Amino acid sequence: MSRIGKQSITLPAGVKFRVADGSFHVEGPKGKVSQAIPAPIGVEANDNVLKVTRKDDARQTRALHGLTRALLANAVQGVSKGFSKSLDIVGVGFRAEVKGRELQMALGYSHPVVFSIPQGIDIAVDKNTRITVSGADRQKVGQVAAEIRGLREPDVYKGKGIRYSDERLRMKVGKAGSK
């Protein structure tokens, strides 16, 4: 039995769960998340407790068992508490601001960089240099944060660019340090 897959998931108050058409749908105060359930995997709901089951012990089925349980647990946590990632903008004159459903940034290019915010994602900017990406879908939050970081990846020589708040950048010395 999968160690992850056999663990049960408790639904918090205010979270609704249903299975329909080979996928599960979770709805809560922070939003909605739906995910497809692989064919050999089943989900049972009893008194606000979710249990993920599998039909056989094939290698692929065992792998999908733990994966489906983890995706379901992330969906339940996302609609009840939400997920967030923080990014820092480092550089002289680098800044960001939210205007409507767009994130406008000055990143040292000759033009402003405009990033349109997808549905289900909220972006907040603190002190013009701290971007917080939040939402109910963990995968979508991580993907949007990675796309924003990719607009100006951190430079290993000067340290300028967009980086995750908990990211430690390993700086290189450059030409003068090689002598």
C-alpha atoms as a PDB file:
ATOM      1  CA  MET A   1       0.000   0.000   0.000  1.00  0.00           C
ATOM      2  CA  SER A   2       1.231   3.490  -0.778  1.00  0.00           C
ATOM      3  CA  ARG A   3       2.183   5.418   2.359  1.00  0.00           C
ATOM      4  CA  ILE A   4       0.832   8.641   0.889  1.00  0.00           C
ATOM      5  CA  GLY A   5      -2.151   7.098  -0.884  1.00  0.00           C
ATOM      6  CA  LYS A   6      -3.584   5.310   2.146  1.00  0.00           C
ATOM      7  CA  GLN A   7      -3.778   8.461   4.279  1.00  0.00           C
ATOM      8  CA  SER A   8      -7.251   9.932   4.580  1.00  0.00           C
ATOM      9  CA  ILE A   9      -8.104  13.578   3.928  1.00  0.00           C
ATOM     10  CA  THR A  10     -10.399  15.484   6.282  1.00  0.00           C
ATOM     11  CA  LEU A  11     -12.569  18.148   4.682  1.00  0.00           C
ATOM     12  CA  PRO A  12     -12.559  21.452   6.610  1.00  0.00           C
ATOM     13  CA  ALA A  13     -15.821  23.281   7.304  1.00  0.00           C
ATOM     14  CA  GLY A  14     -17.180  25.127   4.270  1.00  0.00           C
ATOM     15  CA  VAL A  15     -15.536  22.867   1.680  1.00  0.00           C
ATOM     16  CA  LYS A  16     -17.748  20.946  -0.743  1.00  0.00           C
ATOM     17  CA  PHE A  17     -16.548  17.853  -2.604  1.00  0.00           C
ATOM     18  CA  ARG A  18     -18.072  15.833  -5.437  1.00  0.00           C
ATOM     19  CA  VAL A  19     -16.967  13.269  -8.005  1.00  0.00           C
ATOM     20  CA  ALA A  20     -18.469  13.443 -11.518  1.00  0.00           C
ATOM     21  CA  ASP A  21     -17.430  12.298 -15.013  1.00  0.00           C
ATOM     22  CA  GLY A  22     -14.085  10.831 -13.919  1.00  0.00           C
ATOM     23  CA  SER A  23     -12.911  13.930 -12.068  1.00  0.00           C
ATOM     24  CA  PHE A  24     -13.237  15.460  -8.624  1.00  0.00           C
ATOM     25  CA  HIS A  25     -14.458  18.989  -7.950  1.00  0.00           C
ATOM     26  CA  VAL A  26     -13.609  20.809  -4.716  1.00  0.00           C
ATOM     27  CA  GLU A  27     -15.210  24.141  -3.854  1.00  0.00           C
ATOM     28  CA  GLY A  28     -14.487  26.369  -0.877  1.00  0.00           C
ATOM     29  CA  PRO A  29     -14.148  29.962   0.296  1.00  0.00           C
ATOM     30  CA  LYS A  30     -10.938  30.590  -1.735  1.00  0.00           C
ATOM     31  CA  GLY A  31     -12.212  29.185  -5.050  1.00  0.00           C
ATOM     32  CA  LYS A  32     -12.793  26.017  -7.061  1.00  0.00           C
ATOM     33  CA  VAL A  33     -10.375  23.301  -8.166  1.00  0.00           C
ATOM     34  CA  SER A  34     -11.096  20.290 -10.382  1.00  0.00           C
ATOM     35  CA  GLN A  35      -8.799  17.489 -11.424  1.00  0.00           C
ATOM     36  CA  ALA A  36      -9.215  14.324 -13.495  1.00  0.00           C
ATOM     37  CA  ILE A  37      -9.075  10.985 -11.671  1.00  0.00           C
ATOM     38  CA  PRO A  38      -7.093   8.236 -13.466  1.00  0.00           C
ATOM     39  CA  ALA A  39      -9.125   5.143 -14.452  1.00  0.00           C
ATOM     40  CA  PRO A  40      -7.758   2.594 -11.915  1.00  0.00           C
ATOM     41  CA  ILE A  41      -8.178   5.013  -8.985  1.00  0.00           C
ATOM     42  CA  GLY A  42     -11.356   5.661  -6.992  1.00  0.00           C
ATOM     43  CA  VAL A  43     -12.293   8.271  -4.386  1.00  0.00           C
ATOM     44  CA  GLU A  44     -14.747   7.576  -1.550  1.00  0.00           C
ATOM     45  CA  ALA A  45     -16.315  10.244   0.683  1.00  0.00           C
ATOM     46  CA  ASN A  46     -17.712   9.364   4.129  1.00  0.00           C
ATOM     47  CA  ASP A  47     -18.651  12.013   6.726  1.00  0.00           C
ATOM     48  CA  ASN A  48     -16.177  14.706   5.587  1.00  0.00           C
ATOM     49  CA  VAL A  49     -13.357  12.150   5.222  1.00  0.00           C
ATOM     50  CA  LEU A  50     -11.975  11.337   1.772  1.00  0.00           C
ATOM     51  CA  LYS A  51     -10.231   8.045   1.013  1.00  0.00           C
ATOM     52  CA  VAL A  52      -8.392   7.231  -2.230  1.00  0.00           C
ATOM     53  CA  THR A  53      -8.548   3.575  -3.352  1.00  0.00           C
ATOM     54  CA  ARG A  54      -7.006   1.573  -6.191  1.00  0.00           C
ATOM     55  CA  LYS A  55      -8.247  -1.433  -8.159  1.00  0.00           C
ATOM     56  CA  ASP A  56      -5.002  -3.438  -8.497  1.00  0.00           C
ATOM     57  CA  ASP A  57      -1.348  -3.481  -7.455  1.00  0.00           C
ATOM     58  CA  ALA A  58       0.266  -2.752 -10.812  1.00  0.00           C
ATOM     59  CA  ARG A  59       3.308  -0.465 -10.660  1.00  0.00           C
ATOM     60  CA  GLN A  60       1.591   2.346 -12.584  1.00  0.00           C
ATOM     61  CA  THR A  61      -1.535   2.090 -10.430  1.00  0.00           C
ATOM     62  CA  ARG A  62       0.501   2.305  -7.225  1.00  0.00           C
ATOM     63  CA  ALA A  63       2.217   5.455  -8.532  1.00  0.00           C
ATOM     64  CA  LEU A  64      -1.121   7.027  -9.493  1.00  0.00           C
ATOM     65  CA  HIS A  65      -2.546   6.163  -6.054  1.00  0.00           C
ATOM     66  CA  GLY A  66      -0.151   8.454  -4.177  1.00  0.00           C
ATOM     67  CA  LEU A  67      -0.279  11.121  -6.892  1.00  0.00           C
ATOM     68  CA  THR A  68      -4.079  11.324  -6.870  1.00  0.00           C
ATOM     69  CA  ARG A  69      -4.180  11.552  -3.073  1.00  0.00           C
ATOM     70  CA  ALA A  70      -1.579  14.355  -3.098  1.00  0.00           C
ATOM     71  CA  LEU A  71      -3.468  16.282  -5.805  1.00  0.00           C
ATOM     72  CA  LEU A  72      -6.719  15.898  -3.862  1.00  0.00           C
ATOM     73  CA  ALA A  73      -5.080  17.045  -0.605  1.00  0.00           C
ATOM     74  CA  ASN A  74      -3.595  20.084  -2.394  1.00  0.00           C
ATOM     75  CA  ALA A  75      -7.010  20.928  -3.859  1.00  0.00           C
ATOM     76  CA  VAL A  76      -8.671  20.750  -0.427  1.00  0.00           C
ATOM     77  CA  GLN A  77      -5.936  22.894   1.149  1.00  0.00           C
ATOM     78  CA  GLY A  78      -6.070  25.364  -1.746  1.00  0.00           C
ATOM     79  CA  VAL A  79      -9.805  26.041  -1.545  1.00  0.00           C
ATOM     80  CA  SER A  80      -9.721  26.347   2.260  1.00  0.00           C
ATOM     81  CA  LYS A  81      -6.425  28.198   2.960  1.00  0.00           C
ATOM     82  CA  GLY A  82      -4.959  28.990  -0.461  1.00  0.00           C
ATOM     83  CA  PHE A  83      -1.402  28.951  -1.741  1.00  0.00           C
ATOM     84  CA  SER A  84       1.005  31.834  -2.281  1.00  0.00           C
ATOM     85  CA  LYS A  85       4.501  32.495  -3.584  1.00  0.00           C
ATOM     86  CA  SER A  86       6.534  35.650  -3.039  1.00  0.00           C
ATOM     87  CA  LEU A  87       8.994  37.141  -5.500  1.00  0.00           C
ATOM     88  CA  ASP A  88      11.490  39.955  -4.946  1.00  0.00           C
ATOM     89  CA  ILE A  89      12.560  42.439  -7.624  1.00  0.00           C
ATOM     90  CA  VAL A  90      16.200  43.463  -7.180  1.00  0.00           C
ATOM     91  CA  GLY A  91      17.788  46.240  -9.217  1.00  0.00           C
ATOM     92  CA  VAL A  92      18.043  50.027  -9.417  1.00  0.00           C
ATOM     93  CA  GLY A  93      14.869  51.395 -10.978  1.00  0.00           C
ATOM     94  CA  PHE A  94      13.176  47.987 -11.080  1.00  0.00           C
ATOM     95  CA  ARG A  95       9.560  48.160  -9.878  1.00  0.00           C
ATOM     96  CA  ALA A  96       6.123  46.660 -10.365  1.00  0.00           C
ATOM     97  CA  GLU A  97       2.493  47.698  -9.986  1.00  0.00           C
ATOM     98  CA  VAL A  98      -0.900  46.105 -10.584  1.00  0.00           C
ATOM     99  CA  LYS A  99      -3.325  47.940 -12.872  1.00  0.00           C
ATOM    100  CA  GLY A 100      -6.618  46.105 -13.291  1.00  0.00           C
ATOM    101  CA  ARG A 101      -5.838  42.529 -14.410  1.00  0.00           C
ATOM    102  CA  GLU A 102      -2.293  43.396 -15.540  1.00  0.00           C
ATOM    103  CA  LEU A 103       1.040  43.460 -13.755  1.00  0.00           C
ATOM    104  CA  GLN A 104       3.198  46.258 -15.157  1.00  0.00           C
ATOM    105  CA  MET A 105       6.916  46.115 -14.458  1.00  0.00           C
ATOM    106  CA  ALA A 106      10.001  48.196 -15.197  1.00  0.00           C
ATOM    107  CA  LEU A 107      12.833  45.668 -15.409  1.00  0.00           C
ATOM    108  CA  GLY A 108      15.660  47.619 -16.996  1.00  0.00           C
ATOM    109  CA  TYR A 109      14.520  47.106 -20.572  1.00  0.00           C
ATOM    110  CA  SER A 110      13.740  49.969 -22.955  1.00  0.00           C
ATOM    111  CA  HIS A 111      10.028  49.191 -22.624  1.00  0.00           C
ATOM    112  CA  PRO A 112       7.689  48.349 -19.723  1.00  0.00           C
ATOM    113  CA  VAL A 113       6.921  44.648 -19.320  1.00  0.00           C
ATOM    114  CA  VAL A 114       3.187  43.863 -19.054  1.00  0.00           C
ATOM    115  CA  PHE A 115       2.028  40.492 -17.670  1.00  0.00           C
ATOM    116  CA  SER A 116      -1.697  39.712 -17.834  1.00  0.00           C
ATOM    117  CA  ILE A 117      -2.991  37.976 -14.702  1.00  0.00           C
ATOM    118  CA  PRO A 118      -4.816  34.680 -15.415  1.00  0.00           C
ATOM    119  CA  GLN A 119      -8.228  33.798 -13.938  1.00  0.00           C
ATOM    120  CA  GLY A 120      -8.098  32.312 -10.435  1.00  0.00           C
ATOM    121  CA  ILE A 121      -4.842  34.085  -9.548  1.00  0.00           C
ATOM    122  CA  ASP A 122      -4.434  37.213  -7.418  1.00  0.00           C
ATOM    123  CA  ILE A 123      -1.267  39.301  -7.490  1.00  0.00           C
ATOM    124  CA  ALA A 124      -0.364  41.925  -4.904  1.00  0.00           C
ATOM    125  CA  VAL A 125       2.650  44.266  -4.920  1.00  0.00           C
ATOM    126  CA  ASP A 126       4.220  45.620  -1.707  1.00  0.00           C
ATOM    127  CA  LYS A 127       6.747  48.492  -1.698  1.00  0.00           C
ATOM    128  CA  ASN A 128       7.040  48.266  -5.521  1.00  0.00           C
ATOM    129  CA  THR A 129       9.531  45.377  -5.213  1.00  0.00           C
ATOM    130  CA  ARG A 130       7.700  42.466  -3.529  1.00  0.00           C
ATOM    131  CA  ILE A 131       5.231  40.498  -5.688  1.00  0.00           C
ATOM    132  CA  THR A 132       2.886  38.002  -4.011  1.00  0.00           C
ATOM    133  CA  VAL A 133       1.119  35.482  -6.251  1.00  0.00           C
ATOM    134  CA  SER A 134      -1.804  33.686  -4.569  1.00  0.00           C
ATOM    135  CA  GLY A 135      -4.653  31.394  -5.540  1.00  0.00           C
ATOM    136  CA  ALA A 136      -6.440  28.111  -4.859  1.00  0.00           C
ATOM    137  CA  ASP A 137      -4.657  25.937  -7.450  1.00  0.00           C
ATOM    138  CA  ARG A 138      -1.122  25.102  -6.330  1.00  0.00           C
ATOM    139  CA  GLN A 139       0.108  24.222  -9.809  1.00  0.00           C
ATOM    140  CA  LYS A 140      -1.242  27.429 -11.326  1.00  0.00           C
ATOM    141  CA  VAL A 141       0.287  29.607  -8.575  1.00  0.00           C
ATOM    142  CA  GLY A 142       3.696  28.016  -9.104  1.00  0.00           C
ATOM    143  CA  GLN A 143       3.439  28.295 -12.884  1.00  0.00           C
ATOM    144  CA  VAL A 144       2.512  32.002 -12.800  1.00  0.00           C
ATOM    145  CA  ALA A 145       5.337  32.723 -10.327  1.00  0.00           C
ATOM    146  CA  ALA A 146       7.801  30.899 -12.600  1.00  0.00           C
ATOM    147  CA  GLU A 147       6.590  32.844 -15.651  1.00  0.00           C
ATOM    148  CA  ILE A 148       7.021  36.167 -13.819  1.00  0.00           C
ATOM    149  CA  ARG A 149      10.507  35.116 -12.664  1.00  0.00           C
ATOM    150  CA  GLY A 150      11.355  34.168 -16.256  1.00  0.00           C
ATOM    151  CA  LEU A 151      10.722  37.733 -17.441  1.00  0.00           C
ATOM    152  CA  ARG A 152      14.047  38.789 -15.866  1.00  0.00           C
ATOM    153  CA  GLU A 153      15.902  35.902 -14.255  1.00  0.00           C
ATOM    154  CA  PRO A 154      18.421  36.844 -11.557  1.00  0.00           C
ATOM    155  CA  ASP A 155      21.885  37.717 -12.846  1.00  0.00           C
ATOM    156  CA  VAL A 156      24.599  35.687 -11.086  1.00  0.00           C
ATOM    157  CA  TYR A 157      27.181  38.464 -11.467  1.00  0.00           C
ATOM    158  CA  LYS A 158      25.246  41.531 -10.249  1.00  0.00           C
ATOM    159  CA  GLY A 159      22.242  39.951  -8.500  1.00  0.00           C
ATOM    160  CA  LYS A 160      19.693  41.979 -10.480  1.00  0.00           C
ATOM    161  CA  GLY A 161      16.400  40.455 -11.612  1.00  0.00           C
ATOM    162  CA  ILE A 162      13.331  38.724 -10.199  1.00  0.00           C
ATOM    163  CA  ARG A 163      13.857  35.932  -7.679  1.00  0.00           C
ATOM    164  CA  TYR A 164      11.793  33.940  -5.209  1.00  0.00           C
ATOM    165  CA  SER A 165      11.877  35.441  -1.712  1.00  0.00           C
ATOM    166  CA  ASP A 166      13.402  32.303  -0.201  1.00  0.00           C
ATOM    167  CA  GLU A 167      15.848  31.764  -3.106  1.00  0.00           C
ATOM    168  CA  ARG A 168      19.538  32.080  -2.273  1.00  0.00           C
ATOM    169  CA  LEU A 169      21.506  33.269  -5.280  1.00  0.00           C
ATOM    170  CA  ARG A 170      25.081  32.037  -5.605  1.00  0.00           C
ATOM    171  CA  MET A 171      27.064  34.994  -6.900  1.00  0.00           C
ATOM    172  CA  LYS A 172      30.010  34.570  -9.296  1.00  0.00           C
ATOM    173  CA  VAL A 173      33.125  36.736  -9.093  1.00  0.00           C
ATOM    174  CA  GLY A 174      33.551  37.739 -12.741  1.00  0.00           C
ATOM    175  CA  LYS A 175      36.710  38.373 -14.773  1.00  0.00           C
ATOM    176  CA  ALA A 176      38.695  40.259 -12.125  1.00  0.00           C
ATOM    177  CA  GLY A 177      38.443  37.368  -9.683  1.00  0.00           C
ATOM    178  CA  SER A 178      40.086  34.833 -12.004  1.00  0.00           C
ATOM    179  CA  LYS A 179      43.624  36.272 -11.690  1.00  0.00           C
END
